[in-house]
Amino acid sequence: MSDFDWHREPITAETPVTGNYRNTQNVRRFLTASCGPAFKFDRELMAWINNGEPKTMGDVAAQWRQRQQGQ
């Protein structure tokens, strides 16, 4: 699934983060809908997304929410 089009394809919580992951407006829309209007990318989240471990976009949203609770 490495050819996933992060610009155009529908993103759900089950969408796997692939090797060609990109921070697109499509991704931002999904994460804003999942996390709320306060969502924003930061370096720590980006490093976590790109750490090579298998994860889904639902995992990314949950990680962001968890980090916000810790602040």
PDB file of N, CA and C in Angstrom:
ATOM      1  N   MET A   1       0.825  -1.193   0.000  1.00  0.00           N
ATOM      2  CA  MET A   1       0.000   0.000   0.000  1.00  0.00           C
ATOM      3  C   MET A   1       0.867   1.254   0.000  1.00  0.00           C
ATOM      4  N   SER A   2       2.076   1.150  -0.484  1.00  0.00           N
ATOM      5  CA  SER A   2       2.967   2.300  -0.467  1.00  0.00           C
ATOM      6  C   SER A   2       2.575   3.365  -1.479  1.00  0.00           C
ATOM      7  N   ASP A   3       1.655   3.066  -2.424  1.00  0.00           N
ATOM      8  CA  ASP A   3       1.267   4.107  -3.371  1.00  0.00           C
ATOM      9  C   ASP A   3       0.036   4.872  -2.922  1.00  0.00           C
ATOM     10  N   PHE A   4      -0.297   4.838  -1.648  1.00  0.00           N
ATOM     11  CA  PHE A   4      -1.458   5.575  -1.157  1.00  0.00           C
ATOM     12  C   PHE A   4      -1.298   7.045  -1.512  1.00  0.00           C
ATOM     13  N   ASP A   5      -2.350   7.637  -2.074  1.00  0.00           N
ATOM     14  CA  ASP A   5      -2.312   9.058  -2.460  1.00  0.00           C
ATOM     15  C   ASP A   5      -2.813   9.897  -1.286  1.00  0.00           C
ATOM     16  N   TRP A   6      -1.874  10.454  -0.536  1.00  0.00           N
ATOM     17  CA  TRP A   6      -2.214  11.217   0.662  1.00  0.00           C
ATOM     18  C   TRP A   6      -2.932  12.518   0.329  1.00  0.00           C
ATOM     19  N   HIS A   7      -2.897  12.921  -0.927  1.00  0.00           N
ATOM     20  CA  HIS A   7      -3.590  14.144  -1.334  1.00  0.00           C
ATOM     21  C   HIS A   7      -5.059  13.900  -1.644  1.00  0.00           C
ATOM     22  N   ARG A   8      -5.379  12.727  -2.180  1.00  0.00           N
ATOM     23  CA  ARG A   8      -6.724  12.521  -2.739  1.00  0.00           C
ATOM     24  C   ARG A   8      -7.549  11.387  -2.130  1.00  0.00           C
ATOM     25  N   GLU A   9      -6.895  10.337  -1.657  1.00  0.00           N
ATOM     26  CA  GLU A   9      -7.661   9.184  -1.188  1.00  0.00           C
ATOM     27  C   GLU A   9      -8.309   9.470   0.162  1.00  0.00           C
ATOM     28  N   PRO A  10      -9.480   8.869   0.396  1.00  0.00           N
ATOM     29  CA  PRO A  10     -10.132   9.059   1.702  1.00  0.00           C
ATOM     30  C   PRO A  10      -9.272   8.472   2.819  1.00  0.00           C
ATOM     31  N   ILE A  11      -9.164   9.201   3.917  1.00  0.00           N
ATOM     32  CA  ILE A  11      -8.401   8.758   5.076  1.00  0.00           C
ATOM     33  C   ILE A  11      -9.380   8.413   6.184  1.00  0.00           C
ATOM     34  N   THR A  12      -9.196   7.234   6.770  1.00  0.00           N
ATOM     35  CA  THR A  12     -10.007   6.806   7.913  1.00  0.00           C
ATOM     36  C   THR A  12      -9.058   6.452   9.056  1.00  0.00           C
ATOM     37  N   ALA A  13      -9.616   6.134  10.194  1.00  0.00           N
ATOM     38  CA  ALA A  13      -8.804   5.725  11.341  1.00  0.00           C
ATOM     39  C   ALA A  13      -8.028   4.446  11.029  1.00  0.00           C
ATOM     40  N   GLU A  14      -8.519   3.632  10.111  1.00  0.00           N
ATOM     41  CA  GLU A  14      -7.865   2.369   9.760  1.00  0.00           C
ATOM     42  C   GLU A  14      -6.798   2.524   8.683  1.00  0.00           C
ATOM     43  N   THR A  15      -6.666   3.695   8.090  1.00  0.00           N
ATOM     44  CA  THR A  15      -5.682   3.908   7.029  1.00  0.00           C
ATOM     45  C   THR A  15      -4.275   3.733   7.597  1.00  0.00           C
ATOM     46  N   PRO A  16      -3.485   2.797   7.049  1.00  0.00           N
ATOM     47  CA  PRO A  16      -2.120   2.619   7.555  1.00  0.00           C
ATOM     48  C   PRO A  16      -1.218   3.772   7.116  1.00  0.00           C
ATOM     49  N   VAL A  17      -0.292   4.141   7.978  1.00  0.00           N
ATOM     50  CA  VAL A  17       0.730   5.125   7.618  1.00  0.00           C
ATOM     51  C   VAL A  17       1.753   4.369   6.782  1.00  0.00           C
ATOM     52  N   THR A  18       1.899   4.786   5.543  1.00  0.00           N
ATOM     53  CA  THR A  18       2.772   4.085   4.602  1.00  0.00           C
ATOM     54  C   THR A  18       4.113   4.792   4.464  1.00  0.00           C
ATOM     55  N   GLY A  19       5.009   4.159   3.740  1.00  0.00           N
ATOM     56  CA  GLY A  19       6.336   4.717   3.526  1.00  0.00           C
ATOM     57  C   GLY A  19       6.340   6.032   2.780  1.00  0.00           C
ATOM     58  N   ASN A  20       5.265   6.309   2.035  1.00  0.00           N
ATOM     59  CA  ASN A  20       5.207   7.570   1.297  1.00  0.00           C
ATOM     60  C   ASN A  20       4.309   8.597   1.998  1.00  0.00           C
ATOM     61  N   TYR A  21       4.135   8.446   3.320  1.00  0.00           N
ATOM     62  CA  TYR A  21       3.300   9.375   4.087  1.00  0.00           C
ATOM     63  C   TYR A  21       3.744  10.812   3.859  1.00  0.00           C
ATOM     64  N   ARG A  22       2.762  11.710   3.715  1.00  0.00           N
ATOM     65  CA  ARG A  22       3.014  13.142   3.572  1.00  0.00           C
ATOM     66  C   ARG A  22       1.999  13.908   4.411  1.00  0.00           C
ATOM     67  N   ASN A  23       2.422  15.033   4.957  1.00  0.00           N
ATOM     68  CA  ASN A  23       1.499  15.930   5.659  1.00  0.00           C
ATOM     69  C   ASN A  23       0.774  16.770   4.618  1.00  0.00           C
ATOM     70  N   THR A  24      -0.374  16.311   4.212  1.00  0.00           N
ATOM     71  CA  THR A  24      -1.149  17.027   3.194  1.00  0.00           C
ATOM     72  C   THR A  24      -2.344  17.702   3.854  1.00  0.00           C
ATOM     73  N   GLN A  25      -3.013  18.541   3.092  1.00  0.00           N
ATOM     74  CA  GLN A  25      -4.247  19.148   3.596  1.00  0.00           C
ATOM     75  C   GLN A  25      -5.283  18.071   3.888  1.00  0.00           C
ATOM     76  N   ASN A  26      -5.273  16.989   3.121  1.00  0.00           N
ATOM     77  CA  ASN A  26      -6.171  15.867   3.349  1.00  0.00           C
ATOM     78  C   ASN A  26      -5.910  15.249   4.724  1.00  0.00           C
ATOM     79  N   VAL A  27      -4.634  15.056   5.073  1.00  0.00           N
ATOM     80  CA  VAL A  27      -4.260  14.521   6.385  1.00  0.00           C
ATOM     81  C   VAL A  27      -4.673  15.498   7.480  1.00  0.00           C
ATOM     82  N   ARG A  28      -4.384  16.785   7.271  1.00  0.00           N
ATOM     83  CA  ARG A  28      -4.750  17.802   8.261  1.00  0.00           C
ATOM     84  C   ARG A  28      -6.270  17.822   8.498  1.00  0.00           C
ATOM     85  N   ARG A  29      -7.062  17.703   7.431  1.00  0.00           N
ATOM     86  CA  ARG A  29      -8.530  17.662   7.584  1.00  0.00           C
ATOM     87  C   ARG A  29      -8.950  16.467   8.434  1.00  0.00           C
ATOM     88  N   PHE A  30      -8.362  15.296   8.148  1.00  0.00           N
ATOM     89  CA  PHE A  30      -8.693  14.105   8.934  1.00  0.00           C
ATOM     90  C   PHE A  30      -8.340  14.309  10.399  1.00  0.00           C
ATOM     91  N   LEU A  31      -7.131  14.782  10.672  1.00  0.00           N
ATOM     92  CA  LEU A  31      -6.686  14.932  12.055  1.00  0.00           C
ATOM     93  C   LEU A  31      -7.446  16.034  12.785  1.00  0.00           C
ATOM     94  N   THR A  32      -7.804  17.102  12.106  1.00  0.00           N
ATOM     95  CA  THR A  32      -8.610  18.151  12.726  1.00  0.00           C
ATOM     96  C   THR A  32      -9.996  17.610  13.068  1.00  0.00           C
ATOM     97  N   ALA A  33     -10.571  16.808  12.178  1.00  0.00           N
ATOM     98  CA  ALA A  33     -11.878  16.202  12.460  1.00  0.00           C
ATOM     99  C   ALA A  33     -11.784  15.217  13.621  1.00  0.00           C
ATOM    100  N   SER A  34     -10.670  14.497  13.725  1.00  0.00           N
ATOM    101  CA  SER A  34     -10.500  13.492  14.772  1.00  0.00           C
ATOM    102  C   SER A  34     -10.073  14.080  16.112  1.00  0.00           C
ATOM    103  N   CYS A  35      -9.288  15.147  16.068  1.00  0.00           N
ATOM    104  CA  CYS A  35      -8.679  15.687  17.289  1.00  0.00           C
ATOM    105  C   CYS A  35      -9.288  17.015  17.734  1.00  0.00           C
ATOM    106  N   GLY A  36      -9.990  17.680  16.863  1.00  0.00           N
ATOM    107  CA  GLY A  36     -10.567  18.976  17.188  1.00  0.00           C
ATOM    108  C   GLY A  36      -9.794  20.110  16.544  1.00  0.00           C
ATOM    109  N   PRO A  37     -10.360  21.313  16.615  1.00  0.00           N
ATOM    110  CA  PRO A  37      -9.772  22.464  15.917  1.00  0.00           C
ATOM    111  C   PRO A  37      -8.406  22.897  16.447  1.00  0.00           C
ATOM    112  N   ALA A  38      -8.017  22.437  17.612  1.00  0.00           N
ATOM    113  CA  ALA A  38      -6.709  22.807  18.176  1.00  0.00           C
ATOM    114  C   ALA A  38      -5.573  21.982  17.575  1.00  0.00           C
ATOM    115  N   PHE A  39      -5.898  20.987  16.722  1.00  0.00           N
ATOM    116  CA  PHE A  39      -4.845  20.132  16.171  1.00  0.00           C
ATOM    117  C   PHE A  39      -3.821  20.963  15.417  1.00  0.00           C
ATOM    118  N   LYS A  40      -2.548  20.612  15.627  1.00  0.00           N
ATOM    119  CA  LYS A  40      -1.453  21.144  14.814  1.00  0.00           C
ATOM    120  C   LYS A  40      -0.308  20.145  14.843  1.00  0.00           C
ATOM    121  N   PHE A  41       0.466  20.118  13.757  1.00  0.00           N
ATOM    122  CA  PHE A  41       1.647  19.268  13.694  1.00  0.00           C
ATOM    123  C   PHE A  41       2.756  19.911  14.519  1.00  0.00           C
ATOM    124  N   ASP A  42       3.584  19.078  15.155  1.00  0.00           N
ATOM    125  CA  ASP A  42       4.795  19.571  15.798  1.00  0.00           C
ATOM    126  C   ASP A  42       5.911  18.564  15.518  1.00  0.00           C
ATOM    127  N   ARG A  43       7.120  18.939  15.834  1.00  0.00           N
ATOM    128  CA  ARG A  43       8.273  18.090  15.505  1.00  0.00           C
ATOM    129  C   ARG A  43       8.216  16.732  16.186  1.00  0.00           C
ATOM    130  N   GLU A  44       7.803  16.710  17.445  1.00  0.00           N
ATOM    131  CA  GLU A  44       7.743  15.434  18.165  1.00  0.00           C
ATOM    132  C   GLU A  44       6.728  14.481  17.538  1.00  0.00           C
ATOM    133  N   LEU A  45       5.562  15.011  17.180  1.00  0.00           N
ATOM    134  CA  LEU A  45       4.552  14.167  16.536  1.00  0.00           C
ATOM    135  C   LEU A  45       5.061  13.671  15.192  1.00  0.00           C
ATOM    136  N   MET A  46       5.691  14.554  14.419  1.00  0.00           N
ATOM    137  CA  MET A  46       6.202  14.152  13.106  1.00  0.00           C
ATOM    138  C   MET A  46       7.261  13.051  13.248  1.00  0.00           C
ATOM    139  N   ALA A  47       8.140  13.181  14.235  1.00  0.00           N
ATOM    140  CA  ALA A  47       9.159  12.150  14.459  1.00  0.00           C
ATOM    141  C   ALA A  47       8.482  10.831  14.820  1.00  0.00           C
ATOM    142  N   TRP A  48       7.446  10.884  15.631  1.00  0.00           N
ATOM    143  CA  TRP A  48       6.727   9.672  16.025  1.00  0.00           C
ATOM    144  C   TRP A  48       6.041   9.045  14.819  1.00  0.00           C
ATOM    145  N   ILE A  49       5.410   9.858  13.983  1.00  0.00           N
ATOM    146  CA  ILE A  49       4.729   9.333  12.785  1.00  0.00           C
ATOM    147  C   ILE A  49       5.732   8.621  11.887  1.00  0.00           C
ATOM    148  N   ASN A  50       6.913   9.182  11.740  1.00  0.00           N
ATOM    149  CA  ASN A  50       7.904   8.671  10.788  1.00  0.00           C
ATOM    150  C   ASN A  50       8.938   7.738  11.407  1.00  0.00           C
ATOM    151  N   ASN A  51       8.666   7.172  12.584  1.00  0.00           N
ATOM    152  CA  ASN A  51       9.670   6.337  13.259  1.00  0.00           C
ATOM    153  C   ASN A  51       9.787   4.919  12.696  1.00  0.00           C
ATOM    154  N   GLY A  52       9.007   4.588  11.670  1.00  0.00           N
ATOM    155  CA  GLY A  52       9.124   3.287  11.025  1.00  0.00           C
ATOM    156  C   GLY A  52       8.288   2.183  11.646  1.00  0.00           C
ATOM    157  N   GLU A  53       7.682   2.446  12.796  1.00  0.00           N
ATOM    158  CA  GLU A  53       6.821   1.438  13.419  1.00  0.00           C
ATOM    159  C   GLU A  53       5.452   1.449  12.747  1.00  0.00           C
ATOM    160  N   PRO A  54       4.836   0.273  12.574  1.00  0.00           N
ATOM    161  CA  PRO A  54       3.504   0.224  11.953  1.00  0.00           C
ATOM    162  C   PRO A  54       2.490   0.986  12.796  1.00  0.00           C
ATOM    163  N   LYS A  55       1.663   1.764  12.118  1.00  0.00           N
ATOM    164  CA  LYS A  55       0.601   2.506  12.803  1.00  0.00           C
ATOM    165  C   LYS A  55      -0.457   2.901  11.797  1.00  0.00           C
ATOM    166  N   THR A  56      -1.612   3.253  12.306  1.00  0.00           N
ATOM    167  CA  THR A  56      -2.702   3.731  11.475  1.00  0.00           C
ATOM    168  C   THR A  56      -2.925   5.215  11.755  1.00  0.00           C
ATOM    169  N   MET A  57      -3.730   5.839  10.939  1.00  0.00           N
ATOM    170  CA  MET A  57      -4.049   7.245  11.177  1.00  0.00           C
ATOM    171  C   MET A  57      -4.859   7.404  12.461  1.00  0.00           C
ATOM    172  N   GLY A  58      -5.601   6.375  12.856  1.00  0.00           N
ATOM    173  CA  GLY A  58      -6.275   6.401  14.152  1.00  0.00           C
ATOM    174  C   GLY A  58      -5.263   6.437  15.285  1.00  0.00           C
ATOM    175  N   ASP A  59      -4.163   5.709  15.136  1.00  0.00           N
ATOM    176  CA  ASP A  59      -3.088   5.742  16.128  1.00  0.00           C
ATOM    177  C   ASP A  59      -2.475   7.138  16.214  1.00  0.00           C
ATOM    178  N   VAL A  60      -2.312   7.781  15.057  1.00  0.00           N
ATOM    179  CA  VAL A  60      -1.736   9.133  15.032  1.00  0.00           C
ATOM    180  C   VAL A  60      -2.643  10.087  15.796  1.00  0.00           C
ATOM    181  N   ALA A  61      -3.948  10.029  15.533  1.00  0.00           N
ATOM    182  CA  ALA A  61      -4.888  10.902  16.236  1.00  0.00           C
ATOM    183  C   ALA A  61      -4.867  10.623  17.740  1.00  0.00           C
ATOM    184  N   ALA A  62      -4.847   9.359  18.119  1.00  0.00           N
ATOM    185  CA  ALA A  62      -4.828   9.001  19.541  1.00  0.00           C
ATOM    186  C   ALA A  62      -3.542   9.490  20.203  1.00  0.00           C
ATOM    187  N   GLN A  63      -2.425   9.395  19.492  1.00  0.00           N
ATOM    188  CA  GLN A  63      -1.142   9.861  20.025  1.00  0.00           C
ATOM    189  C   GLN A  63      -1.186  11.371  20.270  1.00  0.00           C
ATOM    190  N   TRP A  64      -1.729  12.121  19.320  1.00  0.00           N
ATOM    191  CA  TRP A  64      -1.815  13.573  19.486  1.00  0.00           C
ATOM    192  C   TRP A  64      -2.676  13.918  20.693  1.00  0.00           C
ATOM    193  N   ARG A  65      -3.839  13.263  20.808  1.00  0.00           N
ATOM    194  CA  ARG A  65      -4.739  13.539  21.950  1.00  0.00           C
ATOM    195  C   ARG A  65      -4.056  13.187  23.274  1.00  0.00           C
ATOM    196  N   GLN A  66      -3.346  12.070  23.310  1.00  0.00           N
ATOM    197  CA  GLN A  66      -2.647  11.657  24.525  1.00  0.00           C
ATOM    198  C   GLN A  66      -1.589  12.691  24.914  1.00  0.00           C
ATOM    199  N   ARG A  67      -0.849  13.192  23.941  1.00  0.00           N
ATOM    200  CA  ARG A  67       0.175  14.210  24.226  1.00  0.00           C
ATOM    201  C   ARG A  67      -0.444  15.499  24.745  1.00  0.00           C
ATOM    202  N   GLN A  68      -1.633  15.820  24.286  1.00  0.00           N
ATOM    203  CA  GLN A  68      -2.293  17.052  24.746  1.00  0.00           C
ATOM    204  C   GLN A  68      -2.747  16.912  26.202  1.00  0.00           C
ATOM    205  N   GLN A  69      -3.139  15.722  26.582  1.00  0.00           N
ATOM    206  CA  GLN A  69      -3.559  15.499  27.973  1.00  0.00           C
ATOM    207  C   GLN A  69      -2.396  15.615  28.931  1.00  0.00           C
ATOM    208  N   GLY A  70      -1.183  15.297  28.448  1.00  0.00           N
ATOM    209  CA  GLY A  70       0.000  15.348  29.280  1.00  0.00           C
ATOM    210  C   GLY A  70       0.570  16.754  29.476  1.00  0.00           C
ATOM    211  N   GLN A  71       0.010  17.721  28.773  1.00  0.00           N
ATOM    212  CA  GLN A  71       0.552  19.085  28.862  1.00  0.00           C
ATOM    213  C   GLN A  71      -0.140  19.899  29.922  1.00  0.00           C
TER     214      GLN A  71
END
